[in-house]
Amino acid sequence: MPDLDETRTRRALIVELVRTRHIATQSDLRDLLRARGHDVTQATLSRDLAKLQARRVSLPSGGTAYEIDGFAARTGEIGRAHV
């Protein structure tokens, strides 16, 4: 069973990343998490995003980005560029 503290820490990091970066895909988010020591599967990441009620939205300028309630999707450079 996964460590509850590890899960909470990872989910807090996901919130921080979505709040501060343009995250267009789960792959971009996985890369950012991996660079910070959280190597997760796509299934785990998908569950985390669902638990956080994150959603992928279309941007007015084109493309997509993740957002979490209370924190609109960021526009600009793709999150992967900031690893």
Protein backbone atom coordinates (compact mmCIF):
# COMPACT_ATOMS: atom_id res chain seq x y z
CA MET A 1 0.00 0.00 0.00
CA PRO A 2 1.40 3.43 -0.90
CA ASP A 3 2.68 5.67 1.84
CA LEU A 4 -0.02 8.24 2.71
CA ASP A 5 2.54 10.99 3.35
CA GLU A 6 4.15 10.32 -0.03
CA THR A 7 0.75 10.53 -1.73
CA ARG A 8 -0.10 13.80 0.03
CA THR A 9 3.30 15.27 -0.82
CA ARG A 10 2.96 14.25 -4.49
CA ARG A 11 -0.56 15.66 -4.73
CA ALA A 12 0.54 18.94 -3.16
CA LEU A 13 3.31 19.13 -5.75
CA ILE A 14 0.81 18.48 -8.54
CA VAL A 15 -1.33 21.38 -7.29
CA GLU A 16 1.73 23.63 -7.14
CA LEU A 17 2.83 22.67 -10.66
CA VAL A 18 -0.65 23.16 -12.15
CA ARG A 19 -0.93 26.53 -10.39
CA THR A 20 2.43 27.82 -11.60
CA ARG A 21 3.03 26.20 -15.00
CA HIS A 22 1.31 25.48 -18.26
CA ILE A 23 0.79 21.71 -18.12
CA ALA A 24 -0.65 20.55 -21.44
CA THR A 25 -0.48 16.77 -20.99
CA GLN A 26 -0.11 14.09 -18.34
CA SER A 27 3.23 13.27 -19.94
CA ASP A 28 4.43 16.84 -19.29
CA LEU A 29 3.28 16.56 -15.68
CA ARG A 30 4.93 13.14 -15.25
CA ASP A 31 8.22 14.58 -16.52
CA LEU A 32 8.03 17.46 -14.03
CA LEU A 33 7.17 15.10 -11.17
CA ARG A 34 9.99 12.73 -12.14
CA ALA A 35 12.46 15.62 -12.13
CA ARG A 36 11.39 16.27 -8.53
CA GLY A 37 11.80 12.67 -7.39
CA HIS A 38 8.26 11.35 -7.94
CA ASP A 39 8.37 8.63 -10.60
CA VAL A 40 4.70 7.65 -10.98
CA THR A 41 2.79 5.59 -13.48
CA GLN A 42 0.23 7.16 -15.78
CA ALA A 43 -2.51 5.32 -13.86
CA THR A 44 -1.37 6.79 -10.53
CA LEU A 45 -1.15 10.25 -12.03
CA SER A 46 -4.61 9.89 -13.54
CA ARG A 47 -6.02 8.88 -10.12
CA ASP A 48 -4.26 11.82 -8.45
CA LEU A 49 -5.67 14.27 -11.01
CA ALA A 50 -9.17 12.85 -10.53
CA LYS A 51 -8.88 13.07 -6.73
CA LEU A 52 -7.74 16.70 -7.05
CA GLN A 53 -10.62 17.38 -9.48
CA ALA A 54 -8.16 18.59 -12.08
CA ARG A 55 -9.36 18.82 -15.64
CA ARG A 56 -7.85 19.49 -19.02
CA VAL A 57 -9.37 22.54 -20.68
CA SER A 58 -9.13 24.19 -24.09
CA LEU A 59 -7.34 27.52 -24.06
CA PRO A 60 -8.67 30.54 -25.99
CA SER A 61 -5.32 30.83 -27.79
CA GLY A 62 -5.41 27.15 -28.76
CA GLY A 63 -4.05 24.06 -27.12
CA THR A 64 -4.95 22.67 -23.74
CA ALA A 65 -3.81 22.91 -20.13
CA TYR A 66 -4.73 21.38 -16.81
CA GLU A 67 -6.52 23.41 -14.17
CA ILE A 68 -7.69 22.73 -10.65
CA ASP A 69 -10.71 24.36 -9.02
CA GLY A 70 -9.72 27.80 -7.84
CA PHE A 71 -6.69 27.89 -10.13
CA ALA A 72 -7.34 28.55 -13.80
CA ALA A 73 -5.14 26.94 -16.43
CA ARG A 74 -1.89 28.74 -17.09
CA THR A 75 -1.08 29.91 -20.56
CA GLY A 76 2.36 30.34 -22.00
CA GLU A 77 5.28 28.00 -22.39
CA ILE A 78 4.72 24.29 -21.97
CA GLY A 79 5.62 22.98 -18.51
CA ARG A 80 8.15 20.51 -19.96
CA ALA A 81 10.37 23.41 -21.01
CA HIS A 82 10.84 24.33 -17.35
CA VAL A 83 12.07 20.99 -16.02
